[in-house]
Every structure is written in structure tokens, then in C-alpha cells.
Amino acid sequence: MQVKVGVVQATPVFFDSAKTIDKLEALAIDGASKGCQFLLFPESFIPGYPRKFTFGASIGLRTNAGRELYKTYWQNSLQLPSPELARLEHIARDNNVYLAIGITERDTLSGSLYCTLIYISPIDGYLGKHQKIKPTGVERLVWADGTGKHSLGVFDTAIGRLGGLICWENYMPLARMRIYQQAPQIYLAPTADARASWPSTLQHIACEGRCFVLGCNQFFTRSDYPEAYQEFLTDDDTILCRGGSAIVSPQGEFMAGPLWDEEGILMAELDLDEVLKSKLDFDVIGHYSRPDLFDFKTSTL
């Protein structure tokens, strides 16, 4: 089966969820008009990845200004379900395109935030989500650990089996193995990692999982931050996130990208039979597994 996919490297409207969804809709229309059946958006595209923010916190200290900033970020994060989610479902349906979107998800009961990847079908609407099970470094200040329950799955859709992990979760071997166990054909890796070494991570996952890998990052400069947030930028860097999005084949070869230092939609035609053919060489859950030696189980709690 041939599937045309797009990886959207773009700048959100910080930290405005409504305007970011407006931009997402325009990008979805553009990608669908070019024949894309699936579009991936970066980690925390809605309402934006809070790079360089401290939220007024250090060990043993929190400030009222930091709490106020957290409140603003929380207010512009997405609740599930919500009118914003319904709008995203309409965008997918109106453009006949599957969407996977990195969001910051808010829990209105507990007040916590989660780094989440949501899946939306043009046929069935909202399919489900993956919550980041371990935020990286200082991200843990604002993002809680995802529960993992019903969140480490792969979705069987009309365009293939979709699943994946967010950013540095992809350095967690057992988390990757949980996804591999479900035989994804298209593995998603939205990220905020713009290091030159990140694309090699995508190549490794593709070779290890024998699947297509879509890596997606934001591109933004210091001028994209509203004036109210410029005070958080303590260095002179013009580009705050270079991007580095890419599409990789099951043999670990770049099909598109990496894309650096600009916005854009990377596109590629995926022949899902290539996933099957690549299993001749290596199959991490098949003939290259040793269940007599290794027993891997995932808690459902």
C-alpha cells in the first residue's frame, strides 16, 4: 500500500492555542492539497514548547511570577475532550487527512500538565493519545509523568499501523520495545531536540524497528516569542530551535530531510510493503527475538 505522508516543521503562535490551531488548519489544508494522507506536527505544537522558560523556579524556590506564567501556559493548553479537539476533528474530516499533533494537555481536575501526542482520523475522529511517560530534565517542572495506561499503543488505521514516542522517550529501550511489540509500520517521533545528532536517532529506530520513522520538530527564532516573553532569553541566539525534521525508511535511509533553519512540510510516498521486505534482514519481535532468553512485559497499571 502506498501512503503519502507529511512532516510539518513549523512555528506555533506562542502561547495562543486558538491562533495556533488557525495556523495548523492552514498547514493541514496545504498538506492535503498536495496529496498527503497523514500529517505529523511537533512536540507541544499547541500551545508551543516553552524553551528557556524557568517558570521562576530553582531548587527550594518558586516565585509568584512563575506561578502566574504557569497559569497562562495551563490556560492555553488543551483539555481532552474540548471544543478545540472537536475543531481538530473537523479539520481532519474536512481535508480527509489523518493528523498526529503534539500538544500540552491539561488536567482540569488535578491542575497538572502532560506532554501528549494525539491521533485523529478523518473517518473516526479522535482515536486516542500517548502521554510522555518521562519528561526530560527541567521539563519535569511543568509536565507530569504520563500514566502509560492505554497510552503506549499503536493505532491500526486505513493508512497503516501508527505509533511512537515523544522526544527522549526514544532513548528508553523498553519503551521502544513496547511500541515494537505492536508492529508499527509508521513510527512517530515528534521532538524538541534540535541537535545535529538527533537524525541519527531516527535512523537507529528505523533500522531497529524495521519501520518508517517520521521525526518532527518546531522551527522558531527569538522574534517568534511575544514581547512579554523576551525577558526569558538570556543569550544572543537568533534561532532558538533549528528543526531537523526528517522521514526515514525501514533501512535507515533518509527519504526527506533533515530540514534545518526554516519552516516547511517534508513529504514522502511510503510503500508499506517495504516494512515487510525489511524483515528478511532483521525482525526485533520475530526471528531476531529470543523469548527463551528474554521475557519483556509492560505493566497495565
Protein backbone atom coordinates (compact mmCIF):
# COMPACT_ATOMS: atom_id res chain seq x y z
CA MET A 1 0.00 0.00 0.00
CA GLN A 2 1.25 3.47 -0.91
CA VAL A 3 0.75 6.24 1.66
CA LYS A 4 1.79 9.86 1.19
CA VAL A 5 2.83 11.44 4.47
CA GLY A 6 3.88 14.91 5.53
CA VAL A 7 6.02 16.11 8.43
CA VAL A 8 5.21 19.69 9.38
CA GLN A 9 8.16 21.72 10.65
CA ALA A 10 6.53 24.96 11.70
CA THR A 11 6.35 27.70 14.32
CA PRO A 12 3.31 27.82 16.62
CA VAL A 13 1.76 31.09 17.74
CA PHE A 14 3.24 31.23 21.24
CA PHE A 15 1.32 30.71 23.62
CA ASP A 16 -2.03 31.13 21.94
CA SER A 17 -3.89 27.88 21.34
CA ALA A 18 -6.65 29.41 19.18
CA LYS A 19 -4.26 31.12 16.77
CA THR A 20 -2.01 28.06 16.67
CA ILE A 21 -4.99 25.92 15.64
CA ASP A 22 -5.75 28.51 12.94
CA LYS A 23 -2.21 28.04 11.64
CA LEU A 24 -2.48 24.26 11.94
CA GLU A 25 -5.63 24.33 9.82
CA ALA A 26 -3.88 26.31 7.08
CA LEU A 27 -0.97 23.85 7.13
CA ALA A 28 -3.36 20.88 7.01
CA ILE A 29 -5.16 22.38 4.00
CA ASP A 30 -1.81 22.91 2.30
CA GLY A 31 -0.58 19.39 3.01
CA ALA A 32 -3.83 17.75 1.98
CA SER A 33 -3.92 19.76 -1.26
CA LYS A 34 -0.54 18.21 -2.10
CA GLY A 35 -1.88 14.71 -1.61
CA CYS A 36 -0.83 13.98 1.97
CA GLN A 37 -2.98 11.37 3.70
CA PHE A 38 -1.24 11.86 7.03
CA LEU A 39 0.40 14.85 8.73
CA LEU A 40 2.59 14.89 11.84
CA PHE A 41 3.05 18.04 13.95
CA PRO A 42 5.86 18.62 16.51
CA GLU A 43 6.06 18.08 20.26
CA SER A 44 3.86 20.59 22.12
CA PHE A 45 2.93 22.39 18.90
CA ILE A 46 -0.16 23.54 20.78
CA PRO A 47 0.47 25.93 22.51
CA GLY A 48 4.26 25.84 21.89
CA TYR A 49 7.30 24.31 23.52
CA PRO A 50 8.41 26.62 26.39
CA ARG A 51 12.11 26.60 25.54
CA LYS A 52 14.32 28.52 28.01
CA PHE A 53 11.46 29.14 30.45
CA THR A 54 12.29 28.68 34.14
CA PHE A 55 8.79 29.39 35.48
CA GLY A 56 10.52 31.27 38.29
CA ALA A 57 11.77 28.07 39.92
CA SER A 58 15.04 26.79 41.32
CA ILE A 59 15.76 24.22 44.00
CA GLY A 60 13.93 25.36 47.13
CA LEU A 61 12.39 28.40 45.46
CA ARG A 62 9.27 29.24 43.44
CA THR A 63 8.03 32.74 42.65
CA ASN A 64 4.56 34.20 42.25
CA ALA A 65 5.54 35.42 38.78
CA GLY A 66 6.44 31.85 37.85
CA ARG A 67 3.11 30.57 39.13
CA GLU A 68 1.33 33.24 37.08
CA LEU A 69 3.24 32.12 33.98
CA TYR A 70 2.30 28.51 34.67
CA LYS A 71 -1.35 29.57 34.87
CA THR A 72 -1.09 31.28 31.46
CA TYR A 73 0.56 28.21 29.93
CA TRP A 74 -2.08 25.95 31.52
CA GLN A 75 -4.94 28.10 30.19
CA ASN A 76 -3.63 27.80 26.64
CA SER A 77 -3.08 24.06 26.86
CA LEU A 78 -5.69 21.59 25.57
CA GLN A 79 -8.26 19.72 27.56
CA LEU A 80 -9.42 16.34 26.24
CA PRO A 81 -12.23 16.35 25.21
CA SER A 82 -12.88 20.00 24.43
CA PRO A 83 -14.21 22.33 21.71
CA GLU A 84 -10.61 22.65 20.50
CA LEU A 85 -10.37 18.90 20.00
CA ALA A 86 -13.71 18.95 18.15
CA ARG A 87 -12.29 21.61 15.83
CA LEU A 88 -9.21 19.47 15.14
CA GLU A 89 -11.52 16.57 14.28
CA HIS A 90 -13.34 18.81 11.79
CA ILE A 91 -10.02 19.85 10.23
CA ALA A 92 -9.09 16.19 9.71
CA ARG A 93 -12.53 15.33 8.34
CA ASP A 94 -12.82 18.36 6.05
CA ASN A 95 -9.42 17.67 4.50
CA ASN A 96 -9.61 13.87 4.53
CA VAL A 97 -6.26 13.63 6.32
CA TYR A 98 -5.06 11.79 9.39
CA LEU A 99 -3.39 14.03 12.00
CA ALA A 100 -0.96 13.37 14.84
CA ILE A 101 -0.38 16.51 16.89
CA GLY A 102 1.92 17.24 19.79
CA ILE A 103 0.05 19.19 22.47
CA THR A 104 0.41 20.18 26.08
CA GLU A 105 -2.61 18.57 27.71
CA ARG A 106 -4.19 19.99 30.84
CA ASP A 107 -5.99 18.06 33.53
CA THR A 108 -8.77 20.31 34.82
CA LEU A 109 -9.28 18.20 37.94
CA SER A 110 -5.69 17.91 39.19
CA GLY A 111 -4.23 21.01 37.55
CA SER A 112 -1.31 19.06 36.08
CA LEU A 113 0.01 19.33 32.54
CA TYR A 114 1.16 16.50 30.26
CA CYS A 115 3.19 16.36 27.08
CA THR A 116 0.86 14.44 24.79
CA LEU A 117 0.60 13.18 21.22
CA ILE A 118 -2.99 12.91 19.95
CA TYR A 119 -4.18 10.86 16.97
CA ILE A 120 -7.13 11.99 14.83
CA SER A 121 -8.78 10.12 11.95
CA PRO A 122 -10.79 11.80 9.17
CA ILE A 123 -13.22 8.90 9.49
CA ASP A 124 -13.47 8.12 13.19
CA GLY A 125 -12.32 11.39 14.76
CA TYR A 126 -10.20 11.25 17.91
CA LEU A 127 -8.52 7.84 18.16
CA GLY A 128 -6.54 8.27 21.36
CA LYS A 129 -3.33 9.67 22.78
CA HIS A 130 0.12 8.96 24.08
CA GLN A 131 1.30 10.82 27.18
CA LYS A 132 5.05 11.27 27.58
CA ILE A 133 5.93 8.84 30.35
CA LYS A 134 9.06 10.71 31.46
CA PRO A 135 9.55 14.41 30.70
CA THR A 136 13.19 15.31 30.05
CA GLY A 137 15.27 17.27 32.53
CA VAL A 138 13.66 20.52 33.65
CA GLU A 139 10.53 19.70 31.63
CA ARG A 140 9.53 17.80 34.77
CA LEU A 141 8.91 21.18 36.39
CA VAL A 142 5.76 21.70 34.32
CA TRP A 143 4.91 18.30 32.81
CA ALA A 144 3.81 15.38 34.94
CA ASP A 145 4.74 11.78 34.14
CA GLY A 146 2.22 10.25 31.77
CA THR A 147 0.29 7.34 33.20
CA GLY A 148 1.18 4.94 30.41
CA LYS A 149 -2.23 3.32 30.81
CA HIS A 150 -3.81 2.92 27.36
CA SER A 151 -1.08 5.34 26.21
CA LEU A 152 1.64 3.10 24.80
CA GLY A 153 -0.46 1.71 21.99
CA VAL A 154 -0.34 1.52 18.21
CA PHE A 155 -3.37 2.52 16.15
CA ASP A 156 -4.45 0.27 13.29
CA THR A 157 -5.79 2.64 10.62
CA ALA A 158 -6.70 2.62 6.95
CA ILE A 159 -3.25 4.06 6.14
CA GLY A 160 -1.23 1.66 8.29
CA ARG A 161 -0.28 0.98 11.88
CA LEU A 162 0.68 4.25 13.61
CA GLY A 163 2.51 4.62 16.91
CA GLY A 164 5.56 6.10 18.54
CA LEU A 165 7.18 8.04 21.36
CA ILE A 166 7.95 11.68 22.13
CA CYS A 167 11.48 13.14 22.10
CA TRP A 168 13.84 11.49 24.61
CA GLU A 169 11.40 8.70 25.42
CA ASN A 170 13.00 7.32 22.28
CA TYR A 171 16.18 6.76 24.32
CA MET A 172 14.26 4.43 26.64
CA PRO A 173 14.89 0.93 25.18
CA LEU A 174 11.98 -0.72 26.97
CA ALA A 175 9.54 1.98 25.84
CA ARG A 176 10.68 1.46 22.25
CA MET A 177 10.28 -2.29 22.69
CA ARG A 178 6.68 -1.82 23.86
CA ILE A 179 5.92 0.01 20.61
CA TYR A 180 7.81 -2.57 18.51
CA GLN A 181 5.76 -5.37 20.10
CA GLN A 182 2.71 -3.92 18.33
CA ALA A 183 4.35 -3.92 14.88
CA PRO A 184 4.09 -0.25 13.84
CA GLN A 185 4.54 0.45 10.15
CA ILE A 186 4.82 4.22 10.64
CA TYR A 187 6.68 5.19 13.83
CA LEU A 188 6.25 8.79 15.01
CA ALA A 189 8.94 10.71 16.89
CA PRO A 190 7.88 14.33 17.46
CA THR A 191 10.57 16.17 19.39
CA ALA A 192 12.07 19.40 20.67
CA ASP A 193 15.62 18.07 20.17
CA ALA A 194 17.36 20.18 17.52
CA ARG A 195 20.86 18.77 17.99
CA ALA A 196 22.78 17.66 14.91
CA SER A 197 22.89 14.14 16.40
CA TRP A 198 19.09 13.69 16.59
CA PRO A 199 18.59 12.49 12.98
CA SER A 200 20.91 9.54 13.70
CA THR A 201 18.49 8.55 16.49
CA LEU A 202 15.71 8.41 13.90
CA GLN A 203 17.88 6.22 11.66
CA HIS A 204 18.60 3.85 14.54
CA ILE A 205 14.90 3.45 15.37
CA ALA A 206 14.09 2.75 11.73
CA CYS A 207 16.77 0.04 11.49
CA GLU A 208 15.87 -1.45 14.88
CA GLY A 209 12.09 -1.40 14.46
CA ARG A 210 12.12 -2.04 10.71
CA CYS A 211 9.52 0.66 10.16
CA PHE A 212 9.23 4.08 8.56
CA VAL A 213 10.16 6.79 11.07
CA LEU A 214 8.80 10.35 10.98
CA GLY A 215 10.71 12.85 13.09
CA CYS A 216 9.15 16.29 13.55
CA ASN A 217 10.38 19.42 15.31
CA GLN A 218 9.44 23.08 15.55
CA PHE A 219 11.44 25.83 13.90
CA PHE A 220 11.43 29.19 15.63
CA THR A 221 13.52 32.27 16.29
CA ARG A 222 13.65 34.67 19.24
CA SER A 223 11.40 37.11 17.37
CA ASP A 224 8.62 34.48 17.37
CA TYR A 225 8.26 34.86 21.13
CA PRO A 226 5.83 37.64 22.12
CA GLU A 227 7.41 40.69 23.68
CA ALA A 228 6.20 39.66 27.12
CA TYR A 229 8.42 36.56 26.97
CA GLN A 230 11.58 38.11 25.55
CA GLU A 231 12.95 38.55 29.08
CA PHE A 232 13.45 34.79 29.32
CA LEU A 233 16.04 34.81 26.53
CA THR A 234 19.33 35.36 28.28
CA ASP A 235 21.64 34.75 25.33
CA ASP A 236 22.02 36.29 21.88
CA ASP A 237 20.89 33.31 19.81
CA THR A 238 18.69 34.33 16.90
CA ILE A 239 17.44 30.81 16.12
CA LEU A 240 16.11 29.05 19.22
CA CYS A 241 15.15 25.78 17.52
CA ARG A 242 16.71 24.75 14.20
CA GLY A 243 14.29 21.92 13.43
CA GLY A 244 15.90 18.82 11.95
CA SER A 245 12.69 17.05 10.90
CA ALA A 246 13.11 14.00 8.67
CA ILE A 247 11.47 10.94 7.15
CA VAL A 248 13.48 7.69 7.29
CA SER A 249 12.96 4.36 5.53
CA PRO A 250 12.93 0.93 7.27
CA GLN A 251 16.53 0.54 6.05
CA GLY A 252 17.58 3.68 7.89
CA GLU A 253 17.90 5.87 4.80
CA PHE A 254 16.67 9.46 4.65
CA MET A 255 13.72 9.84 2.29
CA ALA A 256 13.24 13.54 3.10
CA GLY A 257 15.26 15.93 5.23
CA PRO A 258 16.72 16.57 7.67
CA LEU A 259 15.30 20.09 7.30
CA TRP A 260 17.18 22.83 9.14
CA ASP A 261 16.65 26.53 9.81
CA GLU A 262 13.30 27.02 8.07
CA GLU A 263 9.65 26.08 8.14
CA GLY A 264 8.38 23.54 5.65
CA ILE A 265 6.45 20.34 5.04
CA LEU A 266 8.59 17.30 4.24
CA MET A 267 6.68 14.77 2.14
CA ALA A 268 7.31 11.22 1.02
CA GLU A 269 5.48 8.31 -0.58
CA LEU A 270 5.71 5.30 1.71
CA ASP A 271 5.37 1.80 0.29
CA LEU A 272 4.28 -0.18 3.34
CA ASP A 273 5.47 -3.39 1.67
CA GLU A 274 8.99 -2.13 2.39
CA VAL A 275 8.31 -2.77 6.08
CA LEU A 276 7.57 -6.41 5.37
CA LYS A 277 10.52 -6.83 3.00
CA SER A 278 12.92 -5.36 5.54
CA LYS A 279 12.02 -8.15 7.98
CA LEU A 280 14.14 -10.55 5.88
CA ASP A 281 17.17 -8.84 7.40
CA PHE A 282 16.00 -8.20 10.94
CA ASP A 283 12.80 -8.57 12.96
CA VAL A 284 13.06 -7.36 16.54
CA ILE A 285 9.88 -9.17 17.62
CA GLY A 286 10.25 -12.14 15.25
CA HIS A 287 13.23 -14.18 14.11
CA TYR A 288 15.71 -11.83 15.86
CA SER A 289 14.00 -12.22 19.24
CA ARG A 290 14.91 -14.84 21.83
CA PRO A 291 11.87 -15.39 24.06
CA ASP A 292 13.69 -18.34 25.62
CA LEU A 293 16.24 -15.86 26.99
CA PHE A 294 14.32 -12.61 27.39
CA ASP A 295 10.87 -12.02 28.90
CA PHE A 296 9.55 -8.49 28.45
CA LYS A 297 6.21 -7.40 29.91
CA THR A 298 4.59 -3.99 30.33
CA SER A 299 2.51 -3.13 33.37
CA THR A 300 -1.08 -2.16 32.58
CA LEU A 301 -1.48 -0.20 35.85
